[in-house]
PDB file of N, CA and C in Angstrom:
ATOM      1  N   MET A   1      15.984  37.664  47.147  1.00  0.00           N
ATOM      2  CA  MET A   1      16.397  38.824  46.364  1.00  0.00           C
ATOM      3  C   MET A   1      17.730  39.331  46.921  1.00  0.00           C
ATOM      4  N   THR A   2      18.637  39.563  46.017  1.00  0.00           N
ATOM      5  CA  THR A   2      19.939  40.116  46.382  1.00  0.00           C
ATOM      6  C   THR A   2      20.029  41.536  45.841  1.00  0.00           C
ATOM      7  N   THR A   3      20.541  42.426  46.670  1.00  0.00           N
ATOM      8  CA  THR A   3      20.780  43.810  46.261  1.00  0.00           C
ATOM      9  C   THR A   3      22.266  43.990  46.066  1.00  0.00           C
ATOM     10  N   ILE A   4      22.628  44.723  45.020  1.00  0.00           N
ATOM     11  CA  ILE A   4      24.035  45.058  44.802  1.00  0.00           C
ATOM     12  C   ILE A   4      24.171  46.579  44.803  1.00  0.00           C
ATOM     13  N   TRP A   5      25.097  47.068  45.612  1.00  0.00           N
ATOM     14  CA  TRP A   5      25.487  48.478  45.548  1.00  0.00           C
ATOM     15  C   TRP A   5      26.486  48.529  44.410  1.00  0.00           C
ATOM     16  N   HIS A   6      26.089  49.164  43.335  1.00  0.00           N
ATOM     17  CA  HIS A   6      26.765  49.008  42.054  1.00  0.00           C
ATOM     18  C   HIS A   6      27.270  50.332  41.497  1.00  0.00           C
ATOM     19  N   ASN A   7      28.476  50.264  40.946  1.00  0.00           N
ATOM     20  CA  ASN A   7      29.036  51.382  40.183  1.00  0.00           C
ATOM     21  C   ASN A   7      29.302  50.832  38.778  1.00  0.00           C
ATOM     22  N   PRO A   8      28.485  51.232  37.788  1.00  0.00           N
ATOM     23  CA  PRO A   8      28.629  50.683  36.439  1.00  0.00           C
ATOM     24  C   PRO A   8      29.996  50.933  35.804  1.00  0.00           C
ATOM     25  N   LYS A   9      30.739  51.917  36.297  1.00  0.00           N
ATOM     26  CA  LYS A   9      32.059  52.215  35.733  1.00  0.00           C
ATOM     27  C   LYS A   9      33.146  51.282  36.264  1.00  0.00           C
ATOM     28  N   CYS A  10      32.827  50.508  37.286  1.00  0.00           N
ATOM     29  CA  CYS A  10      33.801  49.622  37.929  1.00  0.00           C
ATOM     30  C   CYS A  10      33.706  48.223  37.340  1.00  0.00           C
ATOM     31  N   SER A  11      34.826  47.718  36.835  1.00  0.00           N
ATOM     32  CA  SER A  11      34.821  46.388  36.217  1.00  0.00           C
ATOM     33  C   SER A  11      34.473  45.295  37.226  1.00  0.00           C
ATOM     34  N   LYS A  12      34.930  45.415  38.457  1.00  0.00           N
ATOM     35  CA  LYS A  12      34.621  44.405  39.480  1.00  0.00           C
ATOM     36  C   LYS A  12      33.129  44.412  39.804  1.00  0.00           C
ATOM     37  N   SER A  13      32.555  45.599  39.819  1.00  0.00           N
ATOM     38  CA  SER A  13      31.129  45.723  40.088  1.00  0.00           C
ATOM     39  C   SER A  13      30.314  45.130  38.935  1.00  0.00           C
ATOM     40  N   ARG A  14      30.726  45.394  37.713  1.00  0.00           N
ATOM     41  CA  ARG A  14      30.038  44.824  36.551  1.00  0.00           C
ATOM     42  C   ARG A  14      30.149  43.294  36.562  1.00  0.00           C
ATOM     43  N   GLU A  15      31.322  42.797  36.920  1.00  0.00           N
ATOM     44  CA  GLU A  15      31.538  41.354  36.991  1.00  0.00           C
ATOM     45  C   GLU A  15      30.633  40.721  38.051  1.00  0.00           C
ATOM     46  N   ALA A  16      30.531  41.370  39.199  1.00  0.00           N
ATOM     47  CA  ALA A  16      29.672  40.859  40.273  1.00  0.00           C
ATOM     48  C   ALA A  16      28.211  40.868  39.845  1.00  0.00           C
ATOM     49  N   LEU A  17      27.781  41.928  39.167  1.00  0.00           N
ATOM     50  CA  LEU A  17      26.399  42.007  38.702  1.00  0.00           C
ATOM     51  C   LEU A  17      26.104  40.901  37.687  1.00  0.00           C
ATOM     52  N   ALA A  18      27.038  40.620  36.802  1.00  0.00           N
ATOM     53  CA  ALA A  18      26.859  39.551  35.822  1.00  0.00           C
ATOM     54  C   ALA A  18      26.717  38.198  36.527  1.00  0.00           C
ATOM     55  N   LEU A  19      27.560  37.946  37.525  1.00  0.00           N
ATOM     56  CA  LEU A  19      27.472  36.694  38.285  1.00  0.00           C
ATOM     57  C   LEU A  19      26.131  36.591  39.002  1.00  0.00           C
ATOM     58  N   LEU A  20      25.712  37.681  39.619  1.00  0.00           N
ATOM     59  CA  LEU A  20      24.429  37.696  40.319  1.00  0.00           C
ATOM     60  C   LEU A  20      23.285  37.381  39.373  1.00  0.00           C
ATOM     61  N   SER A  21      23.273  38.034  38.244  1.00  0.00           N
ATOM     62  CA  SER A  21      22.198  37.844  37.268  1.00  0.00           C
ATOM     63  C   SER A  21      22.169  36.409  36.760  1.00  0.00           C
ATOM     64  N   GLU A  22      23.357  35.843  36.565  1.00  0.00           N
ATOM     65  CA  GLU A  22      23.479  34.478  36.058  1.00  0.00           C
ATOM     66  C   GLU A  22      23.015  33.451  37.085  1.00  0.00           C
ATOM     67  N   LYS A  23      23.438  33.628  38.344  1.00  0.00           N
ATOM     68  CA  LYS A  23      23.187  32.616  39.363  1.00  0.00           C
ATOM     69  C   LYS A  23      21.915  32.856  40.160  1.00  0.00           C
ATOM     70  N   ASN A  24      21.541  34.107  40.307  1.00  0.00           N
ATOM     71  CA  ASN A  24      20.466  34.458  41.224  1.00  0.00           C
ATOM     72  C   ASN A  24      19.162  34.822  40.533  1.00  0.00           C
ATOM     73  N   GLY A  25      19.271  35.384  39.353  1.00  0.00           N
ATOM     74  CA  GLY A  25      18.065  35.823  38.668  1.00  0.00           C
ATOM     75  C   GLY A  25      17.598  37.188  39.134  1.00  0.00           C
ATOM     76  N   GLU A  26      16.929  37.241  40.278  1.00  0.00           N
ATOM     77  CA  GLU A  26      16.386  38.496  40.786  1.00  0.00           C
ATOM     78  C   GLU A  26      17.458  39.314  41.491  1.00  0.00           C
ATOM     79  N   VAL A  27      17.721  40.481  40.936  1.00  0.00           N
ATOM     80  CA  VAL A  27      18.743  41.358  41.495  1.00  0.00           C
ATOM     81  C   VAL A  27      18.183  42.776  41.556  1.00  0.00           C
ATOM     82  N   GLU A  28      18.353  43.406  42.703  1.00  0.00           N
ATOM     83  CA  GLU A  28      18.014  44.822  42.835  1.00  0.00           C
ATOM     84  C   GLU A  28      19.321  45.595  42.750  1.00  0.00           C
ATOM     85  N   VAL A  29      19.416  46.507  41.802  1.00  0.00           N
ATOM     86  CA  VAL A  29      20.631  47.280  41.595  1.00  0.00           C
ATOM     87  C   VAL A  29      20.452  48.651  42.241  1.00  0.00           C
ATOM     88  N   PHE A  30      21.335  48.968  43.172  1.00  0.00           N
ATOM     89  CA  PHE A  30      21.338  50.273  43.823  1.00  0.00           C
ATOM     90  C   PHE A  30      22.583  51.016  43.347  1.00  0.00           C
ATOM     91  N   LYS A  31      22.375  51.998  42.495  1.00  0.00           N
ATOM     92  CA  LYS A  31      23.484  52.806  41.982  1.00  0.00           C
ATOM     93  C   LYS A  31      23.752  53.918  42.991  1.00  0.00           C
ATOM     94  N   TYR A  32      24.589  53.591  43.958  1.00  0.00           N
ATOM     95  CA  TYR A  32      24.805  54.462  45.106  1.00  0.00           C
ATOM     96  C   TYR A  32      25.495  55.781  44.770  1.00  0.00           C
ATOM     97  N   LEU A  33      26.078  55.898  43.587  1.00  0.00           N
ATOM     98  CA  LEU A  33      26.669  57.180  43.203  1.00  0.00           C
ATOM     99  C   LEU A  33      25.619  58.115  42.603  1.00  0.00           C
ATOM    100  N   GLU A  34      24.528  57.549  42.091  1.00  0.00           N
ATOM    101  CA  GLU A  34      23.436  58.360  41.555  1.00  0.00           C
ATOM    102  C   GLU A  34      22.482  58.796  42.657  1.00  0.00           C
ATOM    103  N   THR A  35      22.217  57.897  43.582  1.00  0.00           N
ATOM    104  CA  THR A  35      21.363  58.177  44.734  1.00  0.00           C
ATOM    105  C   THR A  35      22.177  57.834  45.974  1.00  0.00           C
ATOM    106  N   ALA A  36      22.749  58.847  46.574  1.00  0.00           N
ATOM    107  CA  ALA A  36      23.644  58.615  47.721  1.00  0.00           C
ATOM    108  C   ALA A  36      22.881  57.959  48.875  1.00  0.00           C
ATOM    109  N   PRO A  37      23.503  56.966  49.500  1.00  0.00           N
ATOM    110  CA  PRO A  37      22.853  56.332  50.652  1.00  0.00           C
ATOM    111  C   PRO A  37      22.804  57.288  51.835  1.00  0.00           C
ATOM    112  N   SER A  38      21.776  57.140  52.624  1.00  0.00           N
ATOM    113  CA  SER A  38      21.630  57.958  53.830  1.00  0.00           C
ATOM    114  C   SER A  38      22.553  57.427  54.930  1.00  0.00           C
ATOM    115  N   ARG A  39      22.666  58.197  55.965  1.00  0.00           N
ATOM    116  CA  ARG A  39      23.457  57.772  57.116  1.00  0.00           C
ATOM    117  C   ARG A  39      22.908  56.458  57.676  1.00  0.00           C
ATOM    118  N   SER A  40      21.589  56.367  57.805  1.00  0.00           N
ATOM    119  CA  SER A  40      21.010  55.144  58.376  1.00  0.00           C
ATOM    120  C   SER A  40      21.234  53.940  57.459  1.00  0.00           C
ATOM    121  N   GLU A  41      21.217  54.142  56.139  1.00  0.00           N
ATOM    122  CA  GLU A  41      21.506  53.036  55.218  1.00  0.00           C
ATOM    123  C   GLU A  41      22.953  52.580  55.356  1.00  0.00           C
ATOM    124  N   ILE A  42      23.871  53.520  55.512  1.00  0.00           N
ATOM    125  CA  ILE A  42      25.287  53.159  55.686  1.00  0.00           C
ATOM    126  C   ILE A  42      25.486  52.450  57.015  1.00  0.00           C
ATOM    127  N   GLU A  43      24.852  52.935  58.073  1.00  0.00           N
ATOM    128  CA  GLU A  43      24.979  52.277  59.379  1.00  0.00           C
ATOM    129  C   GLU A  43      24.421  50.854  59.335  1.00  0.00           C
ATOM    130  N   ALA A  44      23.273  50.684  58.664  1.00  0.00           N
ATOM    131  CA  ALA A  44      22.692  49.336  58.540  1.00  0.00           C
ATOM    132  C   ALA A  44      23.619  48.429  57.741  1.00  0.00           C
ATOM    133  N   LEU A  45      24.208  48.969  56.686  1.00  0.00           N
ATOM    134  CA  LEU A  45      25.146  48.186  55.880  1.00  0.00           C
ATOM    135  C   LEU A  45      26.360  47.770  56.707  1.00  0.00           C
ATOM    136  N   LEU A  46      26.915  48.685  57.470  1.00  0.00           N
ATOM    137  CA  LEU A  46      28.069  48.363  58.318  1.00  0.00           C
ATOM    138  C   LEU A  46      27.727  47.240  59.288  1.00  0.00           C
ATOM    139  N   ASN A  47      26.519  47.281  59.852  1.00  0.00           N
ATOM    140  CA  ASN A  47      26.093  46.220  60.769  1.00  0.00           C
ATOM    141  C   ASN A  47      26.002  44.878  60.046  1.00  0.00           C
ATOM    142  N   LYS A  48      25.447  44.875  58.846  1.00  0.00           N
ATOM    143  CA  LYS A  48      25.323  43.626  58.090  1.00  0.00           C
ATOM    144  C   LYS A  48      26.686  43.081  57.679  1.00  0.00           C
ATOM    145  N   LEU A  49      27.588  43.984  57.329  1.00  0.00           N
ATOM    146  CA  LEU A  49      28.933  43.563  56.935  1.00  0.00           C
ATOM    147  C   LEU A  49      29.782  43.154  58.138  1.00  0.00           C
ATOM    148  N   GLY A  50      29.490  43.751  59.293  1.00  0.00           N
ATOM    149  CA  GLY A  50      30.300  43.498  60.484  1.00  0.00           C
ATOM    150  C   GLY A  50      31.670  44.137  60.394  1.00  0.00           C
ATOM    151  N   VAL A  51      31.726  45.320  59.763  1.00  0.00           N
ATOM    152  CA  VAL A  51      32.997  46.024  59.604  1.00  0.00           C
ATOM    153  C   VAL A  51      32.861  47.461  60.087  1.00  0.00           C
ATOM    154  N   SER A  52      33.988  48.113  60.255  1.00  0.00           N
ATOM    155  CA  SER A  52      33.999  49.524  60.611  1.00  0.00           C
ATOM    156  C   SER A  52      33.837  50.360  59.348  1.00  0.00           C
ATOM    157  N   ALA A  53      33.543  51.631  59.537  1.00  0.00           N
ATOM    158  CA  ALA A  53      33.405  52.541  58.392  1.00  0.00           C
ATOM    159  C   ALA A  53      34.699  52.598  57.587  1.00  0.00           C
ATOM    160  N   ARG A  54      35.831  52.581  58.259  1.00  0.00           N
ATOM    161  CA  ARG A  54      37.101  52.636  57.538  1.00  0.00           C
ATOM    162  C   ARG A  54      37.291  51.406  56.645  1.00  0.00           C
ATOM    163  N   GLU A  55      36.844  50.255  57.118  1.00  0.00           N
ATOM    164  CA  GLU A  55      36.975  49.032  56.316  1.00  0.00           C
ATOM    165  C   GLU A  55      36.090  49.059  55.070  1.00  0.00           C
ATOM    166  N   LEU A  56      35.108  49.940  55.061  1.00  0.00           N
ATOM    167  CA  LEU A  56      34.226  50.085  53.915  1.00  0.00           C
ATOM    168  C   LEU A  56      34.759  51.118  52.917  1.00  0.00           C
ATOM    169  N   MET A  57      35.851  51.778  53.284  1.00  0.00           N
ATOM    170  CA  MET A  57      36.372  52.884  52.468  1.00  0.00           C
ATOM    171  C   MET A  57      37.437  52.447  51.478  1.00  0.00           C
ATOM    172  N   ARG A  58      37.438  53.173  50.365  1.00  0.00           N
ATOM    173  CA  ARG A  58      38.473  53.017  49.341  1.00  0.00           C
ATOM    174  C   ARG A  58      39.630  53.925  49.756  1.00  0.00           C
ATOM    175  N   THR A  59      40.533  53.380  50.532  1.00  0.00           N
ATOM    176  CA  THR A  59      41.596  54.178  51.146  1.00  0.00           C
ATOM    177  C   THR A  59      42.698  54.603  50.180  1.00  0.00           C
ATOM    178  N   LYS A  60      42.712  54.025  48.992  1.00  0.00           N
ATOM    179  CA  LYS A  60      43.757  54.392  48.025  1.00  0.00           C
ATOM    180  C   LYS A  60      43.318  55.496  47.071  1.00  0.00           C
ATOM    181  N   GLU A  61      42.078  55.936  47.210  1.00  0.00           N
ATOM    182  CA  GLU A  61      41.566  57.012  46.362  1.00  0.00           C
ATOM    183  C   GLU A  61      42.249  58.337  46.719  1.00  0.00           C
ATOM    184  N   ASP A  62      42.462  59.163  45.705  1.00  0.00           N
ATOM    185  CA  ASP A  62      43.049  60.489  45.940  1.00  0.00           C
ATOM    186  C   ASP A  62      42.197  61.307  46.898  1.00  0.00           C
ATOM    187  N   LEU A  63      40.877  61.208  46.774  1.00  0.00           N
ATOM    188  CA  LEU A  63      39.979  61.970  47.639  1.00  0.00           C
ATOM    189  C   LEU A  63      40.177  61.605  49.112  1.00  0.00           C
ATOM    190  N   TYR A  64      40.423  60.344  49.380  1.00  0.00           N
ATOM    191  CA  TYR A  64      40.686  59.886  50.752  1.00  0.00           C
ATOM    192  C   TYR A  64      41.879  60.649  51.324  1.00  0.00           C
ATOM    193  N   LYS A  65      42.905  60.795  50.502  1.00  0.00           N
ATOM    194  CA  LYS A  65      44.109  61.516  50.937  1.00  0.00           C
ATOM    195  C   LYS A  65      43.851  63.014  51.034  1.00  0.00           C
ATOM    196  N   GLU A  66      43.160  63.559  50.031  1.00  0.00           N
ATOM    197  CA  GLU A  66      42.876  64.999  50.018  1.00  0.00           C
ATOM    198  C   GLU A  66      42.071  65.426  51.242  1.00  0.00           C
ATOM    199  N   LEU A  67      41.110  64.606  51.634  1.00  0.00           N
ATOM    200  CA  LEU A  67      40.267  64.925  52.787  1.00  0.00           C
ATOM    201  C   LEU A  67      40.943  64.589  54.119  1.00  0.00           C
ATOM    202  N   GLU A  68      42.118  63.974  54.032  1.00  0.00           N
ATOM    203  CA  GLU A  68      42.874  63.554  55.221  1.00  0.00           C
ATOM    204  C   GLU A  68      42.034  62.654  56.133  1.00  0.00           C
ATOM    205  N   VAL A  69      41.323  61.736  55.503  1.00  0.00           N
ATOM    206  CA  VAL A  69      40.440  60.829  56.234  1.00  0.00           C
ATOM    207  C   VAL A  69      41.234  59.943  57.189  1.00  0.00           C
ATOM    208  N   ALA A  70      42.482  59.662  56.867  1.00  0.00           N
ATOM    209  CA  ALA A  70      43.312  58.825  57.737  1.00  0.00           C
ATOM    210  C   ALA A  70      43.445  59.424  59.134  1.00  0.00           C
ATOM    211  N   LYS A  71      43.279  60.730  59.245  1.00  0.00           N
ATOM    212  CA  LYS A  71      43.398  61.405  60.542  1.00  0.00           C
ATOM    213  C   LYS A  71      42.121  61.321  61.374  1.00  0.00           C
ATOM    214  N   ILE A  72      41.027  60.915  60.765  1.00  0.00           N
ATOM    215  CA  ILE A  72      39.752  60.829  61.488  1.00  0.00           C
ATOM    216  C   ILE A  72      39.718  59.510  62.248  1.00  0.00           C
ATOM    217  N   GLU A  73      39.567  59.594  63.549  1.00  0.00           N
ATOM    218  CA  GLU A  73      39.548  58.388  64.371  1.00  0.00           C
ATOM    219  C   GLU A  73      38.148  58.017  64.834  1.00  0.00           C
ATOM    220  N   ASP A  74      37.246  58.956  64.804  1.00  0.00           N
ATOM    221  CA  ASP A  74      35.887  58.770  65.289  1.00  0.00           C
ATOM    222  C   ASP A  74      35.023  58.062  64.236  1.00  0.00           C
ATOM    223  N   GLU A  75      34.372  56.979  64.611  1.00  0.00           N
ATOM    224  CA  GLU A  75      33.531  56.216  63.685  1.00  0.00           C
ATOM    225  C   GLU A  75      32.432  57.091  63.080  1.00  0.00           C
ATOM    226  N   ASN A  76      31.813  57.937  63.894  1.00  0.00           N
ATOM    227  CA  ASN A  76      30.766  58.824  63.383  1.00  0.00           C
ATOM    228  C   ASN A  76      31.317  59.791  62.347  1.00  0.00           C
ATOM    229  N   GLY A  77      32.529  60.276  62.567  1.00  0.00           N
ATOM    230  CA  GLY A  77      33.166  61.155  61.593  1.00  0.00           C
ATOM    231  C   GLY A  77      33.433  60.437  60.284  1.00  0.00           C
ATOM    232  N   LEU A  78      33.822  59.176  60.370  1.00  0.00           N
ATOM    233  CA  LEU A  78      34.067  58.383  59.157  1.00  0.00           C
ATOM    234  C   LEU A  78      32.764  58.132  58.396  1.00  0.00           C
ATOM    235  N   ILE A  79      31.700  57.869  59.132  1.00  0.00           N
ATOM    236  CA  ILE A  79      30.401  57.678  58.485  1.00  0.00           C
ATOM    237  C   ILE A  79      29.962  58.968  57.807  1.00  0.00           C
ATOM    238  N   ASP A  80      30.218  60.098  58.459  1.00  0.00           N
ATOM    239  CA  ASP A  80      29.904  61.397  57.842  1.00  0.00           C
ATOM    240  C   ASP A  80      30.602  61.544  56.488  1.00  0.00           C
ATOM    241  N   VAL A  81      31.855  61.114  56.423  1.00  0.00           N
ATOM    242  CA  VAL A  81      32.612  61.185  55.168  1.00  0.00           C
ATOM    243  C   VAL A  81      31.950  60.313  54.103  1.00  0.00           C
ATOM    244  N   LEU A  82      31.524  59.113  54.475  1.00  0.00           N
ATOM    245  CA  LEU A  82      30.879  58.211  53.515  1.00  0.00           C
ATOM    246  C   LEU A  82      29.551  58.779  53.015  1.00  0.00           C
ATOM    247  N   VAL A  83      28.819  59.433  53.901  1.00  0.00           N
ATOM    248  CA  VAL A  83      27.553  60.054  53.500  1.00  0.00           C
ATOM    249  C   VAL A  83      27.819  61.181  52.510  1.00  0.00           C
ATOM    250  N   GLU A  84      28.815  61.985  52.797  1.00  0.00           N
ATOM    251  CA  GLU A  84      29.142  63.141  51.956  1.00  0.00           C
ATOM    252  C   GLU A  84      29.840  62.746  50.655  1.00  0.00           C
ATOM    253  N   HIS A  85      30.610  61.659  50.697  1.00  0.00           N
ATOM    254  CA  HIS A  85      31.419  61.236  49.542  1.00  0.00           C
ATOM    255  C   HIS A  85      31.223  59.741  49.285  1.00  0.00           C
ATOM    256  N   PRO A  86      30.061  59.352  48.738  1.00  0.00           N
ATOM    257  CA  PRO A  86      29.799  57.917  48.531  1.00  0.00           C
ATOM    258  C   PRO A  86      30.778  57.249  47.570  1.00  0.00           C
ATOM    259  N   ASN A  87      31.501  58.041  46.785  1.00  0.00           N
ATOM    260  CA  ASN A  87      32.496  57.441  45.888  1.00  0.00           C
ATOM    261  C   ASN A  87      33.649  56.809  46.666  1.00  0.00           C
ATOM    262  N   LEU A  88      33.727  57.062  47.963  1.00  0.00           N
ATOM    263  CA  LEU A  88      34.747  56.408  48.790  1.00  0.00           C
ATOM    264  C   LEU A  88      34.280  55.043  49.322  1.00  0.00           C
ATOM    265  N   ILE A  89      33.036  54.673  49.025  1.00  0.00           N
ATOM    266  CA  ILE A  89      32.521  53.376  49.468  1.00  0.00           C
ATOM    267  C   ILE A  89      33.097  52.282  48.570  1.00  0.00           C
ATOM    268  N   GLU A  90      33.643  51.273  49.206  1.00  0.00           N
ATOM    269  CA  GLU A  90      34.184  50.124  48.471  1.00  0.00           C
ATOM    270  C   GLU A  90      33.072  49.467  47.679  1.00  0.00           C
ATOM    271  N   ARG A  91      33.414  48.852  46.587  1.00  0.00           N
ATOM    272  CA  ARG A  91      32.416  48.225  45.723  1.00  0.00           C
ATOM    273  C   ARG A  91      32.979  46.953  45.100  1.00  0.00           C
ATOM    274  N   PRO A  92      32.085  46.104  44.675  1.00  0.00           N
ATOM    275  CA  PRO A  92      30.641  46.077  44.853  1.00  0.00           C
ATOM    276  C   PRO A  92      30.277  45.526  46.223  1.00  0.00           C
ATOM    277  N   ILE A  93      29.067  45.800  46.653  1.00  0.00           N
ATOM    278  CA  ILE A  93      28.557  45.256  47.909  1.00  0.00           C
ATOM    279  C   ILE A  93      27.300  44.469  47.587  1.00  0.00           C
ATOM    280  N   LEU A  94      27.213  43.260  48.111  1.00  0.00           N
ATOM    281  CA  LEU A  94      26.046  42.405  47.904  1.00  0.00           C
ATOM    282  C   LEU A  94      25.335  42.237  49.231  1.00  0.00           C
ATOM    283  N   ILE A  95      24.008  42.342  49.186  1.00  0.00           N
ATOM    284  CA  ILE A  95      23.202  42.230  50.403  1.00  0.00           C
ATOM    285  C   ILE A  95      22.054  41.264  50.135  1.00  0.00           C
ATOM    286  N   ARG A  96      21.876  40.342  51.054  1.00  0.00           N
ATOM    287  CA  ARG A  96      20.727  39.432  51.025  1.00  0.00           C
ATOM    288  C   ARG A  96      20.257  39.275  52.458  1.00  0.00           C
ATOM    289  N   GLY A  97      19.067  39.774  52.740  1.00  0.00           N
ATOM    290  CA  GLY A  97      18.544  39.712  54.106  1.00  0.00           C
ATOM    291  C   GLY A  97      19.446  40.485  55.052  1.00  0.00           C
ATOM    292  N   GLU A  98      19.888  39.807  56.083  1.00  0.00           N
ATOM    293  CA  GLU A  98      20.760  40.442  57.077  1.00  0.00           C
ATOM    294  C   GLU A  98      22.241  40.160  56.822  1.00  0.00           C
ATOM    295  N   CYS A  99      22.548  39.560  55.682  1.00  0.00           N
ATOM    296  CA  CYS A  99      23.928  39.237  55.337  1.00  0.00           C
ATOM    297  C   CYS A  99      24.415  40.147  54.216  1.00  0.00           C
ATOM    298  N   ALA A 100      25.676  40.510  54.276  1.00  0.00           N
ATOM    299  CA  ALA A 100      26.273  41.339  53.234  1.00  0.00           C
ATOM    300  C   ALA A 100      27.746  40.992  53.105  1.00  0.00           C
ATOM    301  N   VAL A 101      28.293  41.326  51.928  1.00  0.00           N
ATOM    302  CA  VAL A 101      29.707  41.090  51.681  1.00  0.00           C
ATOM    303  C   VAL A 101      30.221  42.141  50.706  1.00  0.00           C
ATOM    304  N   ILE A 102      31.464  42.542  50.911  1.00  0.00           N
ATOM    305  CA  ILE A 102      32.146  43.372  49.928  1.00  0.00           C
ATOM    306  C   ILE A 102      32.705  42.397  48.898  1.00  0.00           C
ATOM    307  N   GLY A 103      32.308  42.565  47.651  1.00  0.00           N
ATOM    308  CA  GLY A 103      32.611  41.592  46.603  1.00  0.00           C
ATOM    309  C   GLY A 103      33.976  41.725  45.967  1.00  0.00           C
ATOM    310  N   ARG A 104      34.992  41.896  46.765  1.00  0.00           N
ATOM    311  CA  ARG A 104      36.371  41.926  46.284  1.00  0.00           C
ATOM    312  C   ARG A 104      37.180  40.979  47.145  1.00  0.00           C
ATOM    313  N   PRO A 105      37.876  40.083  46.565  1.00  0.00           N
ATOM    314  CA  PRO A 105      37.921  39.709  45.156  1.00  0.00           C
ATOM    315  C   PRO A 105      36.635  38.997  44.750  1.00  0.00           C
ATOM    316  N   VAL A 106      36.513  38.690  43.478  1.00  0.00           N
ATOM    317  CA  VAL A 106      35.280  38.096  42.940  1.00  0.00           C
ATOM    318  C   VAL A 106      34.936  36.767  43.619  1.00  0.00           C
ATOM    319  N   GLU A 107      35.910  36.098  44.168  1.00  0.00           N
ATOM    320  CA  GLU A 107      35.665  34.836  44.888  1.00  0.00           C
ATOM    321  C   GLU A 107      34.697  35.048  46.051  1.00  0.00           C
ATOM    322  N   LYS A 108      34.726  36.248  46.643  1.00  0.00           N
ATOM    323  CA  LYS A 108      33.792  36.539  47.743  1.00  0.00           C
ATOM    324  C   LYS A 108      32.357  36.590  47.239  1.00  0.00           C
ATOM    325  N   VAL A 109      32.169  37.038  46.012  1.00  0.00           N
ATOM    326  CA  VAL A 109      30.837  37.050  45.406  1.00  0.00           C
ATOM    327  C   VAL A 109      30.373  35.620  45.221  1.00  0.00           C
ATOM    328  N   ILE A 110      31.237  34.773  44.701  1.00  0.00           N
ATOM    329  CA  ILE A 110      30.890  33.373  44.455  1.00  0.00           C
ATOM    330  C   ILE A 110      30.543  32.668  45.774  1.00  0.00           C
ATOM    331  N   GLU A 111      31.350  32.884  46.807  1.00  0.00           N
ATOM    332  CA  GLU A 111      31.080  32.299  48.124  1.00  0.00           C
ATOM    333  C   GLU A 111      29.722  32.756  48.645  1.00  0.00           C
ATOM    334  N   PHE A 112      29.448  34.057  48.522  1.00  0.00           N
ATOM    335  CA  PHE A 112      28.208  34.630  49.019  1.00  0.00           C
ATOM    336  C   PHE A 112      26.995  34.016  48.326  1.00  0.00           C
ATOM    337  N   LEU A 113      27.119  33.744  47.048  1.00  0.00           N
ATOM    338  CA  LEU A 113      26.007  33.205  46.287  1.00  0.00           C
ATOM    339  C   LEU A 113      25.764  31.726  46.556  1.00  0.00           C
ATOM    340  N   ASN A 114      26.779  31.051  47.068  1.00  0.00           N
ATOM    341  CA  ASN A 114      26.644  29.597  47.333  1.00  0.00           C
ATOM    342  C   ASN A 114      26.136  29.316  48.698  1.00  0.00           C
TER     343      ASN A 114
END
């Protein structure tokens, strides 16, 4: 079973979900903007991805600039921002077992599924 952290308004996320459904069949869709992930879910995701909180962030978003997130150097502070503002989480994210990938570009989704 593969889980996708999905934003239906995002074309890349919709594309990844279509690929998952086509190749994988069983897909669990987690609409993280409707049900915000907890701190522990974000920490577990970061561990599976093997990235820092900043690498999981959409740094080009206006909100990122408005909140002056670039000035936050503490990993815990960055995770706090992701908990409070899940719309800053990069998308789509695919998770299978202990492995995860940020599905941008779409080639990463294809690699993950193979």
